[in-house]
Amino acid sequence: MLEQIVNFIKSTGYLNITIGQALMILVAFVLLYLAIKKEYEPLLLVPISFGILLANIPLADLMEEGGFLYWIYQGVKLDIYPPLIFLGVGVMTDFGPLIANPKSLLLGAAAQFGIFTSFLGASLLGFNFKEAASIGIIGGADGPTAIFLTSKLAPHLLGAVAISAYSYMALVPIIQPPIMRLFTTKKERQVTMEQLRPVSKTEKIIFPIIVTVLASFLVPDATALIGCLMLGNLFRECGVTERLSKTAQNELINIITIFLGVTVGATANAENFLRVETIKIIILGLAAFAVGTAAGVLLGKLMYYLSGGKVNPLVGSAGVSAVPMAARVSQVVAQKEKPGNFILMHAMGPNVAGVIGSAIVAGVLLSLYGG
C-alpha cells in the first residue's frame, strides 16, 4: 500500500515539473491577465493562454499523438481552421468603403511592406527562408493568415508566431499612435475628408465574386483564404442566405476560434518556446508591424500632397489587417487632433484592403517557399 502511494506521488505533476514548464505556466498566467483584466483580444488570447497552460502540465501529453488536443490540432495542421475563420470574417466585413474608394487598396498594399522588411531582417539573423516568411507575415497583423502560413512553412515556430501576431493586434492602440504622429504634421492629421459615395447592392454582390477570380488566378496558393473570405462576404450581401450568414458569423467562427486558439497555444511548450529564437521573433514581429504602419502613413502622406490636401494620412495606418481596430485607432487619433472629425469609414477602406493584401502576400510566400 505504501509503495502504491509513493508511486502515485511520483506520478503527479508536482514532482515532475521542469523550470521551463513553470516559466511557460507563468507566461500563460500573464497572458490570461492581459486578456481578462486589460481586455487585450480576449476572444483569442484566453483560449491561446489556456492552451499554453495545458501544454505545459507535466505528464499530461495532450499534444502527443493520441492525446486530446492532438486530434483537434489536425485542423490547424491541415489548414482547415484559418480559412473557416476567414469565412466568418467575410460575413462581418463591409467592403463598401473599399468599393467606394478603390485607391484605398494602395494603402492596404503599402502596409504589407513591413512583411518583406521583417523577412529580410529574419534572413539576416540566421533564419532560413521558410522561417523568415513565417516571421514576416506577423507584420500583416492578421492572426489566421500568420497561422495558415506558419503551419505550412515552419510549424515549429507556430506558437511564437501566433502569440506575437495576436499580441500586436491587441496592442494596436498603443503601438500605432506614436508612429502616426511621428510621420505626420498637426495640419495633416486635422484634414477632414469628403463623404464617400453610396455603394449599390449590385456592386457589393459582384465585388466578392470578382476579387475571388482575380486574386485566386493571380496567386492560387491564396485561394483558400481569399475564397472563404469572399464567400462569407457574399453570404452577407446577397440577401438570400441569412441563415448561413448568421451561422458563419456566430456559431461557426466561435467554435473554430476555440479550437484554433487552444491548439495553437498548446504548441508553445517549454521546449519549443523558451529559446533565443523566440525573442528574435517577437522583436522582428514588432518591427514588421511598425514598418507596415509607417509605410501606410507615408503613402497616405503622399496622397495628401497629390490630392491637394484632401486625404488625411492617418487612414494609411489602417492598412494593416487588424480589423476593425486599426481603423478605430485612426479615428481616435484624428478626433484628438480635431474633435468632430470623422474618418472611420475612410480608414475602413485600407483596413479591409489589408486583409486581402496579407492573404495574397501569404499566398505569394507559400508559392515561393512551400515546395
Protein backbone atom coordinates (compact mmCIF):
# COMPACT_ATOMS: atom_id res chain seq x y z
CA MET A 1 0.00 0.00 0.00
CA LEU A 2 2.79 2.41 0.95
CA GLU A 3 4.60 1.61 -2.29
CA GLN A 4 1.47 2.43 -4.29
CA ILE A 5 1.12 5.76 -2.50
CA VAL A 6 4.77 6.58 -3.23
CA ASN A 7 4.32 5.65 -6.89
CA PHE A 8 1.23 7.85 -7.10
CA ILE A 9 3.09 10.80 -5.60
CA LYS A 10 5.93 10.27 -8.06
CA SER A 11 3.43 10.31 -10.93
CA THR A 12 1.99 13.72 -10.04
CA GLY A 13 2.92 16.84 -11.93
CA TYR A 14 4.21 18.50 -8.77
CA LEU A 15 7.27 16.25 -8.69
CA ASN A 16 7.83 16.22 -12.45
CA ILE A 17 7.55 19.86 -13.42
CA THR A 18 10.61 21.43 -15.05
CA ILE A 19 11.78 25.02 -14.74
CA GLY A 20 10.81 25.58 -18.36
CA GLN A 21 7.27 24.34 -17.79
CA ALA A 22 6.94 26.53 -14.71
CA LEU A 23 8.05 29.58 -16.71
CA MET A 24 5.58 28.81 -19.51
CA ILE A 25 2.76 28.46 -16.98
CA LEU A 26 3.69 31.92 -15.71
CA VAL A 27 3.57 33.20 -19.30
CA ALA A 28 0.07 31.70 -19.60
CA PHE A 29 -0.99 33.48 -16.39
CA VAL A 30 0.33 36.82 -17.67
CA LEU A 31 -1.49 36.44 -20.99
CA LEU A 32 -4.69 35.46 -19.20
CA TYR A 33 -4.38 38.58 -17.05
CA LEU A 34 -3.92 40.78 -20.12
CA ALA A 35 -6.85 39.13 -21.89
CA ILE A 36 -9.28 39.23 -18.96
CA LYS A 37 -8.26 42.31 -16.97
CA LYS A 38 -6.99 44.52 -19.80
CA GLU A 39 -9.29 43.02 -22.47
CA TYR A 40 -6.46 42.58 -24.99
CA GLU A 41 -8.06 40.45 -27.76
CA PRO A 42 -9.82 38.29 -25.11
CA LEU A 43 -11.66 36.08 -27.60
CA LEU A 44 -8.30 34.87 -28.87
CA LEU A 45 -5.84 35.35 -26.02
CA VAL A 46 -7.98 33.48 -23.47
CA PRO A 47 -8.03 30.19 -25.44
CA ILE A 48 -4.41 30.65 -26.56
CA SER A 49 -3.26 31.30 -22.99
CA PHE A 50 -5.17 28.32 -21.67
CA GLY A 51 -3.70 26.19 -24.43
CA ILE A 52 -0.22 27.22 -23.25
CA LEU A 53 -1.20 26.24 -19.72
CA LEU A 54 -2.49 22.82 -20.80
CA ALA A 55 0.56 22.11 -22.96
CA ASN A 56 2.91 22.65 -20.04
CA ILE A 57 1.14 20.48 -17.46
CA PRO A 58 3.74 17.80 -16.62
CA LEU A 59 2.99 14.30 -17.96
CA ALA A 60 -0.38 15.32 -19.45
CA ASP A 61 0.91 14.90 -23.04
CA LEU A 62 -2.24 16.38 -24.55
CA MET A 63 -0.43 17.25 -27.80
CA GLU A 64 1.27 13.88 -28.20
CA GLU A 65 -0.14 11.53 -30.81
CA GLY A 66 -3.40 10.15 -29.46
CA GLY A 67 -3.79 12.99 -26.94
CA PHE A 68 -6.97 15.06 -26.73
CA LEU A 69 -5.54 18.24 -28.27
CA TYR A 70 -3.53 16.29 -30.85
CA TRP A 71 -6.70 15.44 -32.76
CA ILE A 72 -8.14 18.95 -32.56
CA TYR A 73 -4.78 20.33 -33.73
CA GLN A 74 -5.16 18.49 -37.03
CA GLY A 75 -7.48 21.31 -38.11
CA VAL A 76 -4.51 23.67 -37.82
CA LYS A 77 -2.02 21.25 -39.34
CA LEU A 78 -4.29 20.58 -42.32
CA ASP A 79 -5.09 24.31 -42.78
CA ILE A 80 -8.79 23.89 -42.08
CA TYR A 81 -9.32 26.42 -39.28
CA PRO A 82 -7.79 29.64 -40.75
CA PRO A 83 -9.95 29.63 -43.92
CA LEU A 84 -13.06 28.96 -41.80
CA ILE A 85 -12.13 31.93 -39.61
CA PHE A 86 -11.89 33.98 -42.82
CA LEU A 87 -15.37 32.78 -43.76
CA GLY A 88 -16.74 34.33 -40.57
CA VAL A 89 -14.64 37.47 -41.00
CA GLY A 90 -16.03 37.88 -44.52
CA VAL A 91 -19.59 37.85 -43.20
CA MET A 92 -18.73 40.54 -40.66
CA THR A 93 -16.85 42.76 -43.12
CA ASP A 94 -18.34 45.62 -45.12
CA PHE A 95 -16.27 46.17 -48.26
CA GLY A 96 -18.36 49.23 -49.14
CA PRO A 97 -15.66 51.78 -48.17
CA LEU A 98 -13.13 49.97 -50.38
CA ILE A 99 -15.56 49.79 -53.31
CA ALA A 100 -16.41 53.48 -52.89
CA ASN A 101 -12.73 54.46 -52.86
CA PRO A 102 -10.63 51.88 -54.75
CA LYS A 103 -7.49 53.97 -54.21
CA SER A 104 -7.52 52.81 -50.59
CA LEU A 105 -6.39 49.43 -51.92
CA LEU A 106 -2.97 51.03 -52.40
CA LEU A 107 -2.82 51.93 -48.71
CA GLY A 108 -3.65 48.35 -47.79
CA ALA A 109 -0.87 47.18 -50.09
CA ALA A 110 1.66 49.66 -48.68
CA ALA A 111 1.06 48.41 -45.15
CA GLN A 112 2.27 44.96 -46.24
CA PHE A 113 5.74 46.43 -46.72
CA GLY A 114 6.55 45.51 -43.14
CA ILE A 115 6.21 41.83 -44.02
CA PHE A 116 9.04 41.96 -46.53
CA THR A 117 11.21 44.15 -44.29
CA SER A 118 10.93 41.66 -41.46
CA PHE A 119 11.50 38.79 -43.90
CA LEU A 120 14.85 40.32 -44.86
CA GLY A 121 15.70 41.01 -41.22
CA ALA A 122 14.92 37.43 -40.21
CA SER A 123 17.07 36.11 -43.05
CA LEU A 124 19.99 38.24 -41.90
CA LEU A 125 19.58 36.94 -38.34
CA GLY A 126 20.05 33.35 -39.47
CA PHE A 127 16.53 32.09 -40.06
CA ASN A 128 16.00 30.11 -43.25
CA PHE A 129 13.62 31.46 -45.91
CA LYS A 130 10.63 29.41 -44.71
CA GLU A 131 11.09 30.60 -41.13
CA ALA A 132 11.71 34.18 -42.28
CA ALA A 133 8.49 34.16 -44.31
CA SER A 134 6.54 32.91 -41.30
CA ILE A 135 8.02 35.62 -39.08
CA GLY A 136 7.50 38.35 -41.66
CA ILE A 137 3.78 37.65 -42.01
CA ILE A 138 3.33 38.89 -38.42
CA GLY A 139 3.62 42.37 -39.93
CA GLY A 140 0.26 41.89 -41.62
CA ALA A 141 -1.38 41.91 -38.16
CA ASP A 142 -3.62 39.06 -39.26
CA GLY A 143 -3.59 36.09 -36.89
CA PRO A 144 -5.35 33.49 -39.08
CA THR A 145 -3.09 34.32 -42.03
CA ALA A 146 0.01 34.03 -39.85
CA ILE A 147 -1.17 30.65 -38.58
CA PHE A 148 -2.08 29.49 -42.10
CA LEU A 149 1.37 30.28 -43.48
CA THR A 150 3.44 29.21 -40.47
CA SER A 151 1.70 25.84 -40.13
CA LYS A 152 2.83 25.08 -43.68
CA LEU A 153 6.32 26.57 -43.72
CA ALA A 154 7.62 26.46 -40.14
CA PRO A 155 5.25 24.61 -37.77
CA HIS A 156 7.91 24.54 -35.04
CA LEU A 157 7.57 28.35 -34.81
CA LEU A 158 3.77 28.35 -34.72
CA GLY A 159 3.37 29.12 -31.02
CA ALA A 160 5.78 32.06 -31.02
CA VAL A 161 4.45 33.49 -34.29
CA ALA A 162 0.78 33.19 -33.28
CA ILE A 163 1.31 34.70 -29.84
CA SER A 164 3.31 37.57 -31.35
CA ALA A 165 0.72 38.22 -34.06
CA TYR A 166 -2.25 38.29 -31.71
CA SER A 167 -0.37 40.26 -29.05
CA TYR A 168 0.49 43.01 -31.52
CA MET A 169 -3.08 43.01 -32.82
CA ALA A 170 -4.21 43.62 -29.25
CA LEU A 171 -1.61 46.37 -28.79
CA VAL A 172 -2.60 48.33 -31.91
CA PRO A 173 -3.94 51.27 -29.83
CA ILE A 174 -0.56 51.52 -28.08
CA ILE A 175 1.87 50.82 -30.93
CA GLN A 176 0.35 52.79 -33.80
CA PRO A 177 -0.40 56.33 -32.48
CA PRO A 178 3.24 57.34 -31.81
CA ILE A 179 4.23 56.19 -35.31
CA MET A 180 1.27 58.03 -36.83
CA ARG A 181 2.22 61.26 -35.09
CA LEU A 182 5.91 60.86 -35.93
CA PHE A 183 5.32 60.90 -39.69
CA THR A 184 2.52 63.48 -39.91
CA THR A 185 2.05 67.14 -39.06
CA LYS A 186 -0.81 68.51 -36.99
CA LYS A 187 -2.25 70.12 -40.11
CA GLU A 188 -2.27 66.78 -41.94
CA ARG A 189 -3.90 65.00 -39.01
CA GLN A 190 -6.70 67.59 -38.98
CA VAL A 191 -7.76 67.04 -42.59
CA THR A 192 -11.48 66.43 -42.97
CA MET A 193 -12.25 64.06 -45.84
CA GLU A 194 -15.28 64.21 -48.11
CA GLN A 195 -18.07 61.72 -47.51
CA LEU A 196 -17.76 58.51 -49.52
CA ARG A 197 -20.24 57.86 -52.31
CA PRO A 198 -23.08 55.39 -51.73
CA VAL A 199 -22.35 51.83 -52.88
CA SER A 200 -25.14 49.89 -54.58
CA LYS A 201 -26.23 46.40 -53.58
CA THR A 202 -25.24 45.12 -57.02
CA GLU A 203 -21.67 46.37 -56.54
CA LYS A 204 -21.45 44.67 -53.16
CA ILE A 205 -22.64 41.36 -54.63
CA ILE A 206 -20.32 41.46 -57.64
CA PHE A 207 -17.26 42.55 -55.64
CA PRO A 208 -16.52 39.27 -53.78
CA ILE A 209 -17.01 37.23 -56.94
CA ILE A 210 -14.62 39.37 -58.98
CA VAL A 211 -12.00 39.51 -56.22
CA THR A 212 -12.11 35.72 -55.82
CA VAL A 213 -11.47 35.19 -59.52
CA LEU A 214 -8.78 37.85 -59.94
CA ALA A 215 -6.86 37.12 -56.72
CA SER A 216 -7.08 33.34 -56.99
CA PHE A 217 -5.90 33.30 -60.59
CA LEU A 218 -3.03 35.61 -59.63
CA VAL A 219 -1.98 33.66 -56.52
CA PRO A 220 -3.57 30.17 -56.47
CA ASP A 221 -2.00 29.39 -53.09
CA ALA A 222 -4.12 32.14 -51.53
CA THR A 223 -7.39 30.70 -52.85
CA ALA A 224 -8.42 29.02 -49.58
CA LEU A 225 -8.16 32.27 -47.61
CA ILE A 226 -9.45 34.66 -50.28
CA GLY A 227 -12.20 32.27 -51.38
CA CYS A 228 -13.57 31.77 -47.87
CA LEU A 229 -13.31 35.49 -47.08
CA MET A 230 -15.27 36.40 -50.18
CA LEU A 231 -17.79 33.56 -49.79
CA GLY A 232 -18.58 34.86 -46.32
CA ASN A 233 -18.98 38.37 -47.69
CA LEU A 234 -21.29 37.06 -50.43
CA PHE A 235 -23.42 35.42 -47.71
CA ARG A 236 -23.65 38.88 -46.12
CA GLU A 237 -24.51 40.87 -49.22
CA CYS A 238 -26.61 38.63 -51.47
CA GLY A 239 -29.68 38.81 -49.23
CA VAL A 240 -30.83 35.20 -49.74
CA THR A 241 -28.55 33.31 -47.31
CA GLU A 242 -29.40 34.91 -43.99
CA ARG A 243 -29.29 31.60 -42.11
CA LEU A 244 -25.82 30.77 -43.48
CA SER A 245 -24.67 34.29 -42.71
CA LYS A 246 -25.77 34.06 -39.08
CA THR A 247 -24.15 30.65 -38.64
CA ALA A 248 -20.82 31.74 -40.14
CA GLN A 249 -20.52 34.88 -38.01
CA ASN A 250 -21.72 33.30 -34.77
CA GLU A 251 -21.66 29.56 -34.03
CA LEU A 252 -19.10 28.54 -36.65
CA ILE A 253 -16.48 31.24 -36.04
CA ASN A 254 -16.87 30.91 -32.26
CA ILE A 255 -16.29 27.15 -32.30
CA ILE A 256 -13.34 27.42 -34.68
CA THR A 257 -11.84 30.23 -32.59
CA ILE A 258 -11.87 27.98 -29.52
CA PHE A 259 -10.29 25.05 -31.37
CA LEU A 260 -7.73 27.26 -33.11
CA GLY A 261 -6.77 29.27 -30.04
CA VAL A 262 -6.36 26.35 -27.64
CA THR A 263 -4.37 24.16 -30.02
CA VAL A 264 -2.12 26.97 -31.29
CA GLY A 265 -1.40 27.90 -27.69
CA ALA A 266 -0.68 24.25 -26.95
CA THR A 267 2.18 24.28 -29.48
CA ALA A 268 4.02 26.70 -27.16
CA ASN A 269 5.53 24.13 -24.84
CA ALA A 270 8.70 24.97 -22.96
CA GLU A 271 10.94 23.09 -25.39
CA ASN A 272 9.66 25.00 -28.43
CA PHE A 273 9.09 28.42 -26.89
CA LEU A 274 11.90 29.10 -24.42
CA ARG A 275 14.63 29.73 -26.97
CA VAL A 276 16.64 32.71 -28.16
CA GLU A 277 14.79 32.45 -31.47
CA THR A 278 11.53 33.37 -29.72
CA ILE A 279 12.96 36.71 -28.58
CA LYS A 280 14.12 37.37 -32.14
CA ILE A 281 10.64 36.54 -33.46
CA ILE A 282 8.98 38.92 -31.01
CA ILE A 283 11.35 41.76 -31.93
CA LEU A 284 11.09 41.11 -35.67
CA GLY A 285 7.30 40.90 -35.43
CA LEU A 286 7.15 44.27 -33.70
CA ALA A 287 9.48 45.74 -36.32
CA ALA A 288 7.31 44.35 -39.13
CA PHE A 289 4.18 45.81 -37.59
CA ALA A 290 5.81 49.20 -37.02
CA VAL A 291 7.25 49.37 -40.56
CA GLY A 292 3.89 48.36 -42.05
CA THR A 293 2.15 51.12 -40.11
CA ALA A 294 4.78 53.68 -41.15
CA ALA A 295 4.60 52.63 -44.81
CA GLY A 296 0.83 53.07 -44.84
CA VAL A 297 1.07 56.50 -43.23
CA LEU A 298 3.80 57.63 -45.63
CA LEU A 299 1.76 56.60 -48.67
CA GLY A 300 -1.19 58.41 -47.11
CA LYS A 301 1.06 61.45 -46.77
CA LEU A 302 1.96 61.20 -50.47
CA MET A 303 -1.75 61.01 -51.33
CA TYR A 304 -2.28 64.09 -49.18
CA TYR A 305 0.11 66.09 -51.35
CA LEU A 306 -1.09 64.64 -54.66
CA SER A 307 -4.73 65.34 -53.79
CA GLY A 308 -4.06 68.90 -52.73
CA GLY A 309 -4.65 68.18 -49.06
CA LYS A 310 -7.87 66.17 -49.39
CA VAL A 311 -6.55 62.89 -47.91
CA ASN A 312 -5.86 62.51 -44.20
CA PRO A 313 -2.60 60.48 -43.95
CA LEU A 314 -3.86 58.81 -40.77
CA VAL A 315 -6.07 56.49 -42.82
CA GLY A 316 -2.89 54.85 -44.14
CA SER A 317 -2.09 53.30 -40.77
CA ALA A 318 -5.30 51.28 -41.04
CA GLY A 319 -3.79 49.32 -43.93
CA VAL A 320 -2.63 46.62 -41.52
CA SER A 321 -5.15 43.81 -41.23
CA ALA A 322 -6.27 44.29 -37.62
CA VAL A 323 -9.97 44.78 -38.47
CA PRO A 324 -11.60 46.99 -37.30
CA MET A 325 -9.23 48.05 -34.52
CA ALA A 326 -6.67 49.77 -36.78
CA ALA A 327 -9.42 51.85 -38.41
CA ARG A 328 -10.74 52.83 -34.98
CA VAL A 329 -7.26 53.94 -33.93
CA SER A 330 -7.08 56.20 -37.00
CA GLN A 331 -10.43 57.68 -35.99
CA VAL A 332 -9.38 58.22 -32.36
CA VAL A 333 -6.13 59.98 -33.30
CA ALA A 334 -7.94 62.18 -35.83
CA GLN A 335 -10.60 63.19 -33.31
CA LYS A 336 -7.99 64.10 -30.72
CA GLU A 337 -6.46 66.50 -33.23
CA LYS A 338 -9.80 67.87 -34.40
CA PRO A 339 -12.93 66.99 -32.39
CA GLY A 340 -15.80 66.03 -34.66
CA ASN A 341 -13.55 64.86 -37.49
CA PHE A 342 -14.95 61.55 -38.75
CA ILE A 343 -12.58 59.46 -40.89
CA LEU A 344 -13.60 55.98 -39.71
CA MET A 345 -15.26 54.90 -42.96
CA HIS A 346 -12.32 56.24 -44.97
CA ALA A 347 -9.98 54.21 -42.75
CA MET A 348 -12.08 51.07 -43.17
CA GLY A 349 -11.20 51.01 -46.89
CA PRO A 350 -7.46 50.44 -46.32
CA ASN A 351 -8.28 48.23 -43.33
CA VAL A 352 -10.30 45.67 -45.30
CA ALA A 353 -7.86 46.03 -48.21
CA GLY A 354 -5.14 44.97 -45.78
CA VAL A 355 -6.98 41.72 -45.07
CA ILE A 356 -6.98 40.91 -48.78
CA GLY A 357 -3.39 42.09 -49.14
CA SER A 358 -1.99 39.97 -46.31
CA ALA A 359 -3.74 36.87 -47.66
CA ILE A 360 -2.27 37.48 -51.12
CA VAL A 361 1.22 38.05 -49.68
CA ALA A 362 0.88 34.80 -47.72
CA GLY A 363 -0.03 33.04 -50.95
CA VAL A 364 3.00 34.52 -52.71
CA LEU A 365 5.34 33.43 -49.91
CA LEU A 366 3.77 29.98 -49.88
CA SER A 367 4.22 29.61 -53.63
CA LEU A 368 7.87 30.68 -53.35
CA TYR A 369 8.91 28.62 -50.34
CA GLY A 370 6.23 25.98 -49.85
CA GLY A 371 7.76 23.44 -52.19
